[in-house]
C-alpha atoms as a PDB file:
ATOM      1  CA  MET A   1       0.000   0.000   0.000  1.00  0.00           C
ATOM      2  CA  GLU A   2       1.672   3.201  -1.203  1.00  0.00           C
ATOM      3  CA  PHE A   3       0.863   6.800  -0.415  1.00  0.00           C
ATOM      4  CA  THR A   4       1.825   9.730  -2.568  1.00  0.00           C
ATOM      5  CA  PHE A   5       1.408  13.461  -2.187  1.00  0.00           C
ATOM      6  CA  PRO A   6      -0.257  14.953  -5.280  1.00  0.00           C
ATOM      7  CA  PRO A   7       1.604  18.168  -6.066  1.00  0.00           C
ATOM      8  CA  PHE A   8      -1.532  19.900  -7.301  1.00  0.00           C
ATOM      9  CA  LEU A   9      -3.296  19.130  -4.025  1.00  0.00           C
ATOM     10  CA  VAL A  10      -0.411  20.666  -2.088  1.00  0.00           C
ATOM     11  CA  VAL A  11      -0.630  23.796  -4.231  1.00  0.00           C
ATOM     12  CA  VAL A  12      -4.407  23.915  -3.699  1.00  0.00           C
ATOM     13  CA  ILE A  13      -4.047  23.704   0.076  1.00  0.00           C
ATOM     14  CA  VAL A  14      -1.349  26.374   0.228  1.00  0.00           C
ATOM     15  CA  VAL A  15      -3.101  28.782  -2.127  1.00  0.00           C
ATOM     16  CA  PHE A  16      -6.421  28.300  -0.364  1.00  0.00           C
ATOM     17  CA  GLY A  17      -4.711  29.066   2.931  1.00  0.00           C
ATOM     18  CA  VAL A  18      -3.181  32.214   1.471  1.00  0.00           C
ATOM     19  CA  PHE A  19      -6.580  33.360   0.193  1.00  0.00           C
ATOM     20  CA  ARG A  20      -8.138  32.712   3.578  1.00  0.00           C
ATOM     21  CA  GLN A  21      -5.291  34.648   5.137  1.00  0.00           C
ATOM     22  CA  ARG A  22      -5.977  37.617   2.853  1.00  0.00           C
ATOM     23  CA  THR A  23      -9.629  37.687   3.797  1.00  0.00           C
ATOM     24  CA  ASP A  24      -8.940  37.521   7.532  1.00  0.00           C
ATOM     25  CA  SER A  25      -5.660  39.114   8.539  1.00  0.00           C
ATOM     26  CA  GLN A  26      -6.523  38.751  12.221  1.00  0.00           C
ATOM     27  CA  ARG A  27      -6.054  34.998  12.083  1.00  0.00           C
ATOM     28  CA  PRO A  28      -2.401  34.150  11.256  1.00  0.00           C
ATOM     29  CA  ASP A  29      -2.863  30.773  12.910  1.00  0.00           C
ATOM     30  CA  ARG A  30      -4.777  29.456   9.892  1.00  0.00           C
ATOM     31  CA  LEU A  31      -1.843  29.651   7.525  1.00  0.00           C
ATOM     32  CA  SER A  32       0.617  28.357  10.110  1.00  0.00           C
ATOM     33  CA  THR A  33      -1.626  25.356  10.775  1.00  0.00           C
ATOM     34  CA  ILE A  34      -1.733  24.498   7.075  1.00  0.00           C
ATOM     35  CA  PHE A  35       2.042  24.681   6.734  1.00  0.00           C
ATOM     36  CA  GLU A  36       2.518  22.566   9.852  1.00  0.00           C
ATOM     37  CA  ILE A  37       0.436  19.767   8.335  1.00  0.00           C
ATOM     38  CA  LEU A  38       2.208  20.006   4.973  1.00  0.00           C
ATOM     39  CA  ILE A  39       5.615  19.797   6.664  1.00  0.00           C
ATOM     40  CA  PHE A  40       4.991  17.318   9.477  1.00  0.00           C
ATOM     41  CA  LEU A  41       3.340  14.535   7.457  1.00  0.00           C
ATOM     42  CA  PRO A  42       6.058  14.190   4.770  1.00  0.00           C
ATOM     43  CA  LEU A  43       8.721  14.608   7.474  1.00  0.00           C
ATOM     44  CA  THR A  44       7.289  11.694   9.427  1.00  0.00           C
ATOM     45  CA  LEU A  45       7.032   9.507   6.334  1.00  0.00           C
ATOM     46  CA  ALA A  46      10.627  10.289   5.301  1.00  0.00           C
ATOM     47  CA  THR A  47      12.332   9.919   8.671  1.00  0.00           C
ATOM     48  CA  LEU A  48      10.359   7.171  10.413  1.00  0.00           C
ATOM     49  CA  SER A  49       8.005   4.821   8.594  1.00  0.00           C
ATOM     50  CA  GLN A  50       4.666   4.551   6.881  1.00  0.00           C
ATOM     51  CA  ASP A  51       3.014   3.414  10.119  1.00  0.00           C
ATOM     52  CA  ALA A  52       4.271   6.551  11.872  1.00  0.00           C
ATOM     53  CA  PHE A  53       2.938   8.653   9.009  1.00  0.00           C
ATOM     54  CA  LEU A  54      -0.459   6.968   9.285  1.00  0.00           C
ATOM     55  CA  LEU A  55      -0.525   7.386  13.057  1.00  0.00           C
ATOM     56  CA  LEU A  56       0.240  11.100  12.834  1.00  0.00           C
ATOM     57  CA  SER A  57      -2.404  11.485  10.137  1.00  0.00           C
ATOM     58  CA  PHE A  58      -4.924   9.707  12.365  1.00  0.00           C
ATOM     59  CA  LEU A  59      -4.053  11.894  15.372  1.00  0.00           C
ATOM     60  CA  LEU A  60      -4.334  15.072  13.301  1.00  0.00           C
ATOM     61  CA  THR A  61      -7.742  13.946  12.060  1.00  0.00           C
ATOM     62  CA  LEU A  62      -8.950  13.271  15.607  1.00  0.00           C
ATOM     63  CA  HIS A  63      -7.700  16.672  16.690  1.00  0.00           C
ATOM     64  CA  SER A  64      -9.516  18.364  13.793  1.00  0.00           C
ATOM     65  CA  VAL A  65     -12.771  16.598  14.660  1.00  0.00           C
ATOM     66  CA  PHE A  66     -12.411  17.512  18.338  1.00  0.00           C
ATOM     67  CA  HIS A  67     -11.520  21.109  17.506  1.00  0.00           C
ATOM     68  CA  SER A  68     -14.481  21.498  15.133  1.00  0.00           C
ATOM     69  CA  THR A  69     -16.850  19.979  17.687  1.00  0.00           C
ATOM     70  CA  LEU A  70     -15.701  22.408  20.377  1.00  0.00           C
ATOM     71  CA  LYS A  71     -16.110  25.292  17.980  1.00  0.00           C
ATOM     72  CA  LEU A  72     -19.739  24.301  17.450  1.00  0.00           C
ATOM     73  CA  VAL A  73     -20.738  23.613  21.040  1.00  0.00           C
ATOM     74  CA  LEU A  74     -18.824  26.267  23.005  1.00  0.00           C
ATOM     75  CA  PRO A  75     -21.118  29.167  23.923  1.00  0.00           C
ATOM     76  CA  ASN A  76     -20.599  32.905  23.968  1.00  0.00           C
ATOM     77  CA  LEU A  77     -20.371  34.241  27.504  1.00  0.00           C
ATOM     78  CA  THR A  78     -21.857  37.554  28.571  1.00  0.00           C
ATOM     79  CA  LEU A  79     -20.235  39.124  31.634  1.00  0.00           C
ATOM     80  CA  SER A  80     -22.060  41.158  34.252  1.00  0.00           C
ATOM     81  CA  SER A  81     -20.578  44.308  32.732  1.00  0.00           C
ATOM     82  CA  GLY A  82     -22.345  43.499  29.470  1.00  0.00           C
ATOM     83  CA  ARG A  83     -19.189  42.534  27.602  1.00  0.00           C
ATOM     84  CA  ALA A  84     -19.498  39.423  25.452  1.00  0.00           C
ATOM     85  CA  ILE A  85     -16.689  36.857  25.248  1.00  0.00           C
ATOM     86  CA  SER A  86     -16.635  34.340  22.427  1.00  0.00           C
ATOM     87  CA  LEU A  87     -15.011  31.137  23.663  1.00  0.00           C
ATOM     88  CA  PRO A  88     -14.657  29.651  20.135  1.00  0.00           C
ATOM     89  CA  SER A  89     -12.460  32.621  19.191  1.00  0.00           C
ATOM     90  CA  PHE A  90      -9.718  31.293  21.498  1.00  0.00           C
ATOM     91  CA  LEU A  91      -9.596  27.865  19.856  1.00  0.00           C
ATOM     92  CA  PRO A  92      -7.461  28.734  16.790  1.00  0.00           C
ATOM     93  CA  PHE A  93      -4.640  30.057  18.981  1.00  0.00           C
ATOM     94  CA  MET A  94      -4.861  27.057  21.296  1.00  0.00           C
ATOM     95  CA  GLN A  95      -4.436  24.580  18.443  1.00  0.00           C
ATOM     96  CA  ILE A  96      -1.059  25.991  17.312  1.00  0.00           C
ATOM     97  CA  PRO A  97       1.028  23.940  19.809  1.00  0.00           C
ATOM     98  CA  VAL A  98      -1.058  20.799  19.337  1.00  0.00           C
ATOM     99  CA  HIS A  99       0.448  19.813  15.963  1.00  0.00           C
ATOM    100  CA  PRO A 100       4.090  19.943  17.176  1.00  0.00           C
ATOM    101  CA  PHE A 101       3.031  17.961  20.244  1.00  0.00           C
ATOM    102  CA  LEU A 102       1.463  15.245  18.078  1.00  0.00           C
ATOM    103  CA  LEU A 103       4.589  15.164  15.910  1.00  0.00           C
ATOM    104  CA  LEU A 104       6.831  14.707  18.959  1.00  0.00           C
ATOM    105  CA  LEU A 105       4.461  12.051  20.281  1.00  0.00           C
ATOM    106  CA  SER A 106       4.692  10.085  17.023  1.00  0.00           C
ATOM    107  CA  PHE A 107       8.481  10.357  17.004  1.00  0.00           C
ATOM    108  CA  ASN A 108       8.626   9.249  20.632  1.00  0.00           C
ATOM    109  CA  LEU A 109       6.382   6.236  20.070  1.00  0.00           C
ATOM    110  CA  PHE A 110       8.233   4.955  16.996  1.00  0.00           C
ATOM    111  CA  SER A 111      11.701   5.770  18.319  1.00  0.00           C
ATOM    112  CA  SER A 112      11.219   4.095  21.681  1.00  0.00           C
ATOM    113  CA  ALA A 113      13.668   1.344  22.498  1.00  0.00           C
ATOM    114  CA  THR A 114      11.048  -0.608  24.461  1.00  0.00           C
ATOM    115  CA  GLY A 115       9.083  -1.413  21.344  1.00  0.00           C
ATOM    116  CA  LEU A 116       5.767  -0.278  19.964  1.00  0.00           C
ATOM    117  CA  SER A 117       2.408  -1.430  21.205  1.00  0.00           C
ATOM    118  CA  PRO A 118       0.656  -3.684  18.670  1.00  0.00           C
ATOM    119  CA  TYR A 119      -2.558  -1.748  19.234  1.00  0.00           C
ATOM    120  CA  ILE A 120      -0.950   1.415  17.860  1.00  0.00           C
ATOM    121  CA  THR A 121       0.350  -0.400  14.788  1.00  0.00           C
ATOM    122  CA  THR A 122      -3.026  -2.005  14.191  1.00  0.00           C
ATOM    123  CA  ALA A 123      -4.823   1.330  14.513  1.00  0.00           C
ATOM    124  CA  ALA A 124      -2.398   2.941  12.064  1.00  0.00           C
ATOM    125  CA  ARG A 125      -2.878   0.176   9.509  1.00  0.00           C
ATOM    126  CA  TRP A 126      -6.648   0.242   9.862  1.00  0.00           C
ATOM    127  CA  TRP A 127      -6.509   3.979   9.261  1.00  0.00           C
ATOM    128  CA  GLY A 128      -4.382   3.342   6.172  1.00  0.00           C
ATOM    129  CA  THR A 129      -6.989   0.885   4.888  1.00  0.00           C
ATOM    130  CA  PHE A 130      -9.722   3.452   5.453  1.00  0.00           C
ATOM    131  CA  LEU A 131      -7.739   6.092   3.561  1.00  0.00           C
ATOM    132  CA  ARG A 132      -7.124   3.675   0.711  1.00  0.00           C
ATOM    133  CA  TYR A 133     -10.781   2.848   0.172  1.00  0.00           C
ATOM    134  CA  SER A 134     -11.925   6.449   0.653  1.00  0.00           C
ATOM    135  CA  THR A 135      -9.732   7.648  -2.212  1.00  0.00           C
ATOM    136  CA  PRO A 136     -12.713   8.441  -4.535  1.00  0.00           C
ATOM    137  CA  PHE A 137     -14.251  10.629  -1.846  1.00  0.00           C
ATOM    138  CA  ALA A 138     -10.918  12.372  -1.255  1.00  0.00           C
ATOM    139  CA  ALA A 139     -10.553  12.937  -4.998  1.00  0.00           C
ATOM    140  CA  GLY A 140     -13.982  14.581  -5.031  1.00  0.00           C
ATOM    141  CA  LEU A 141     -12.961  16.848  -2.160  1.00  0.00           C
ATOM    142  CA  GLU A 142      -9.772  17.714  -4.031  1.00  0.00           C
ATOM    143  CA  GLY A 143     -11.808  18.726  -7.068  1.00  0.00           C
ATOM    144  CA  LEU A 144     -14.189  20.808  -4.969  1.00  0.00           C
ATOM    145  CA  ALA A 145     -11.312  22.528  -3.170  1.00  0.00           C
ATOM    146  CA  SER A 146      -9.600  23.186  -6.494  1.00  0.00           C
ATOM    147  CA  LEU A 147     -12.705  24.854  -7.898  1.00  0.00           C
ATOM    148  CA  ILE A 148     -13.015  27.008  -4.775  1.00  0.00           C
ATOM    149  CA  VAL A 149      -9.404  28.120  -5.143  1.00  0.00           C
ATOM    150  CA  ILE A 150      -9.884  28.845  -8.848  1.00  0.00           C
ATOM    151  CA  GLN A 151     -13.013  30.883  -8.123  1.00  0.00           C
ATOM    152  CA  SER A 152     -11.171  32.793  -5.389  1.00  0.00           C
ATOM    153  CA  ALA A 153      -8.324  33.489  -7.802  1.00  0.00           C
ATOM    154  CA  GLY A 154     -10.844  34.829 -10.313  1.00  0.00           C
ATOM    155  CA  LEU A 155     -12.382  37.167  -7.748  1.00  0.00           C
ATOM    156  CA  ILE A 156      -8.993  38.460  -6.644  1.00  0.00           C
ATOM    157  CA  SER A 157      -7.919  38.939 -10.272  1.00  0.00           C
ATOM    158  CA  LYS A 158     -10.960  41.173 -10.862  1.00  0.00           C
ATOM    159  CA  ASP A 159      -9.876  43.440  -8.021  1.00  0.00           C
ATOM    160  CA  LEU A 160      -6.285  43.511  -9.290  1.00  0.00           C
ATOM    161  CA  ALA A 161      -7.389  44.251 -12.843  1.00  0.00           C
ATOM    162  CA  THR A 162      -9.298  47.343 -11.748  1.00  0.00           C
ATOM    163  CA  GLN A 163      -6.228  48.826 -10.046  1.00  0.00           C
ATOM    164  CA  SER A 164      -3.948  49.322 -13.041  1.00  0.00           C
ATOM    165  CA  GLU A 165      -3.380  48.308 -16.647  1.00  0.00           C
ATOM    166  CA  GLY A 166      -0.099  46.703 -15.651  1.00  0.00           C
ATOM    167  CA  ASN A 167      -1.982  44.209 -13.503  1.00  0.00           C
ATOM    168  CA  GLN A 168      -4.275  43.435 -16.407  1.00  0.00           C
ATOM    169  CA  PHE A 169      -1.276  42.757 -18.647  1.00  0.00           C
ATOM    170  CA  LEU A 170       0.344  40.461 -16.061  1.00  0.00           C
ATOM    171  CA  LEU A 171      -2.904  38.556 -15.537  1.00  0.00           C
ATOM    172  CA  LEU A 172      -3.281  38.050 -19.290  1.00  0.00           C
ATOM    173  CA  ILE A 173       0.311  36.787 -19.551  1.00  0.00           C
ATOM    174  CA  ALA A 174      -0.209  34.407 -16.630  1.00  0.00           C
ATOM    175  CA  SER A 175      -3.494  33.121 -18.064  1.00  0.00           C
ATOM    176  CA  ALA A 176      -1.976  32.641 -21.523  1.00  0.00           C
ATOM    177  CA  SER A 177       0.926  30.722 -19.976  1.00  0.00           C
ATOM    178  CA  ALA A 178      -1.547  28.534 -18.095  1.00  0.00           C
ATOM    179  CA  TYR A 179      -3.487  27.840 -21.307  1.00  0.00           C
ATOM    180  CA  VAL A 180      -0.302  26.904 -23.170  1.00  0.00           C
ATOM    181  CA  GLY A 181       0.943  24.766 -20.299  1.00  0.00           C
ATOM    182  CA  ALA A 182      -2.377  22.926 -20.026  1.00  0.00           C
ATOM    183  CA  ALA A 183      -2.491  22.302 -23.787  1.00  0.00           C
ATOM    184  CA  ALA A 184       1.083  20.979 -23.810  1.00  0.00           C
ATOM    185  CA  TRP A 185       0.330  18.796 -20.799  1.00  0.00           C
ATOM    186  CA  LEU A 186      -2.761  17.357 -22.471  1.00  0.00           C
ATOM    187  CA  LEU A 187      -0.886  16.654 -25.695  1.00  0.00           C
ATOM    188  CA  SER A 188       1.968  14.926 -23.881  1.00  0.00           C
ATOM    189  CA  THR A 189      -0.397  12.666 -21.925  1.00  0.00           C
ATOM    190  CA  PHE A 190      -2.946  11.986 -24.689  1.00  0.00           C
ATOM    191  CA  ALA A 191      -1.333   8.796 -26.009  1.00  0.00           C
ATOM    192  CA  ASP A 192      -1.203   7.188 -22.579  1.00  0.00           C
ATOM    193  CA  ALA A 193      -4.480   8.524 -21.179  1.00  0.00           C
ATOM    194  CA  ALA A 194      -6.543   7.702 -24.307  1.00  0.00           C
ATOM    195  CA  SER A 195      -5.167   4.194 -24.794  1.00  0.00           C
ATOM    196  CA  THR A 196      -8.629   2.577 -25.138  1.00  0.00           C
ATOM    197  CA  PRO A 197     -11.783   3.690 -26.983  1.00  0.00           C
ATOM    198  CA  ILE A 198     -13.597   4.412 -23.715  1.00  0.00           C
ATOM    199  CA  THR A 199     -10.802   6.532 -22.245  1.00  0.00           C
ATOM    200  CA  ALA A 200     -10.413   8.344 -25.576  1.00  0.00           C
ATOM    201  CA  MET A 201     -14.134   9.138 -25.543  1.00  0.00           C
ATOM    202  CA  LEU A 202     -13.935  10.408 -21.951  1.00  0.00           C
ATOM    203  CA  PHE A 203     -10.859  12.460 -22.825  1.00  0.00           C
ATOM    204  CA  GLY A 204     -12.710  14.096 -25.694  1.00  0.00           C
ATOM    205  CA  CYS A 205     -15.808  14.716 -23.564  1.00  0.00           C
ATOM    206  CA  ALA A 206     -13.728  16.421 -20.878  1.00  0.00           C
ATOM    207  CA  VAL A 207     -11.937  18.726 -23.311  1.00  0.00           C
ATOM    208  CA  THR A 208     -15.153  19.500 -25.205  1.00  0.00           C
ATOM    209  CA  THR A 209     -16.976  20.274 -21.956  1.00  0.00           C
ATOM    210  CA  LEU A 210     -14.196  22.637 -20.939  1.00  0.00           C
ATOM    211  CA  ILE A 211     -14.371  24.480 -24.266  1.00  0.00           C
ATOM    212  CA  PHE A 212     -18.162  24.792 -24.245  1.00  0.00           C
ATOM    213  CA  LEU A 213     -18.356  25.869 -20.586  1.00  0.00           C
ATOM    214  CA  THR A 214     -15.636  28.438 -21.190  1.00  0.00           C
ATOM    215  CA  GLY A 215     -17.505  29.833 -24.179  1.00  0.00           C
ATOM    216  CA  ILE A 216     -20.796  29.951 -22.284  1.00  0.00           C
ATOM    217  CA  GLY A 217     -19.111  31.635 -19.312  1.00  0.00           C
ATOM    218  CA  PHE A 218     -17.491  34.266 -21.512  1.00  0.00           C
ATOM    219  CA  SER A 219     -20.723  34.973 -23.392  1.00  0.00           C
ATOM    220  CA  LEU A 220     -22.696  35.397 -20.159  1.00  0.00           C
ATOM    221  CA  ARG A 221     -19.842  37.328 -18.490  1.00  0.00           C
ATOM    222  CA  ARG A 222     -19.840  34.870 -15.598  1.00  0.00           C
ATOM    223  CA  THR A 223     -16.161  33.916 -15.799  1.00  0.00           C
ATOM    224  CA  ASN A 224     -12.778  35.323 -16.798  1.00  0.00           C
ATOM    225  CA  VAL A 225      -9.553  34.062 -18.299  1.00  0.00           C
ATOM    226  CA  VAL A 226      -7.977  33.415 -14.886  1.00  0.00           C
ATOM    227  CA  GLU A 227     -10.729  31.018 -13.856  1.00  0.00           C
ATOM    228  CA  SER A 228     -10.844  29.371 -17.269  1.00  0.00           C
ATOM    229  CA  SER A 229      -7.084  28.824 -17.394  1.00  0.00           C
ATOM    230  CA  GLY A 230      -7.143  27.439 -13.858  1.00  0.00           C
ATOM    231  CA  VAL A 231      -9.806  24.902 -14.814  1.00  0.00           C
ATOM    232  CA  ALA A 232      -7.763  23.966 -17.882  1.00  0.00           C
ATOM    233  CA  LEU A 233      -4.724  23.298 -15.707  1.00  0.00           C
ATOM    234  CA  PHE A 234      -6.795  21.224 -13.307  1.00  0.00           C
ATOM    235  CA  LEU A 235      -8.195  19.201 -16.201  1.00  0.00           C
ATOM    236  CA  ALA A 236      -4.688  18.573 -17.537  1.00  0.00           C
ATOM    237  CA  TYR A 237      -3.560  17.489 -14.082  1.00  0.00           C
ATOM    238  CA  ASN A 238      -6.415  14.994 -13.747  1.00  0.00           C
ATOM    239  CA  VAL A 239      -5.736  13.582 -17.207  1.00  0.00           C
ATOM    240  CA  TRP A 240      -2.096  13.132 -16.237  1.00  0.00           C
ATOM    241  CA  GLN A 241      -3.264  11.281 -13.114  1.00  0.00           C
ATOM    242  CA  CYS A 242      -4.912   8.727 -15.417  1.00  0.00           C
ATOM    243  CA  THR A 243      -1.605   7.874 -17.086  1.00  0.00           C
ATOM    244  CA  ASN A 244       1.142   5.495 -16.037  1.00  0.00           C
ATOM    245  CA  ASP A 245       3.615   8.299 -15.432  1.00  0.00           C
ATOM    246  CA  ASN A 246       5.088   7.480 -12.013  1.00  0.00           C
ATOM    247  CA  PHE A 247       7.101  10.673 -11.653  1.00  0.00           C
ATOM    248  CA  GLY A 248       8.857  10.636  -8.307  1.00  0.00           C
ATOM    249  CA  ALA A 249       7.837   7.056  -7.482  1.00  0.00           C
ATOM    250  CA  ASP A 250      11.421   5.778  -7.858  1.00  0.00           C
ATOM    251  CA  ILE A 251      12.760   8.142  -5.193  1.00  0.00           C
ATOM    252  CA  LEU A 252      13.729   6.414  -1.963  1.00  0.00           C
ATOM    253  CA  TRP A 253      12.312   8.978   0.436  1.00  0.00           C
ATOM    254  CA  PRO A 254      13.898   7.543   3.607  1.00  0.00           C
ATOM    255  CA  ASN A 255      17.319   8.012   1.973  1.00  0.00           C
ATOM    256  CA  VAL A 256      16.544  11.652   1.261  1.00  0.00           C
ATOM    257  CA  SER A 257      16.450  12.504   4.957  1.00  0.00           C
ATOM    258  CA  SER A 258      19.675  10.605   5.646  1.00  0.00           C
ATOM    259  CA  SER A 259      21.493  12.475   2.919  1.00  0.00           C
END
C-alpha cells in the first residue's frame, strides 16, 4: 500500500490558505496550521516509517474533529458588565502547539527502544486501509477545493485588474501561460491517457466540456480568463493522473532525509 502526495493538491491547500489569510488578517494561525500539516506529514514519512505517518495522520484527524466539535458547542459568555466573550475565538490560537506535540508524540512512540504497542500499529494500519478505500471521496474533495481556489483566484484577479493596466497585462500573460501549459500537458499525456476507446471518448468529452463551458461563461460574463485557465490546468492534471507516469515514485524517500 503506497501513499503519494499529489503536487496539485499541495498547491491547492497552500493557495487556499493564502486566500483565507488575505480575507482575515486577524487569524495568522490558519496559515501556520496548514504549513505545519504540509511539513509534518512528509517529514514523518521520510524519517520514520509509513506506520508513523499513518498514526500522525490519524491523530491530526482526531484533533480536527475535536476542535471542530468544540467550535460548534462552546457558547458565547456575557459578563455582568455586558461585555461578550466568544469562547470559540480562542480555539485557533490554542491549536497551534497541538500539531508539534502530536509530531513529537509520534516520534517518541516509533523511536522508543522498548518497542511499539501492537494496538498502535493495528490502529495505524486500519486507518491506512480506510484512507485507501476512501480515495474516490478524497478525490472529489480535491476537485471541490480546487474549484473554490480557482473561483477565489478569479475574484482576486478582478480586483487587481481594476487597479492598473499593468496588472491586467500580467494577468493576461499568466493566463496565456496557463493555457499553453495545459495544452502541452494534455498533448503529452494523450497517447497514454486515451489508450482505449472508452478513455479516448472520456478524454474528448472532458476537453469538449471545458471548451463549451468556457464559451458559455465568456458569453454570459460569468467567468474570466484566470478562472478558465485554472480549470484547464486542473483538467490537464487529472488527465495526467490517469496515465502510467510514475514521476517521483522511484525516489527512496527515507534516503533523502539521511542524505
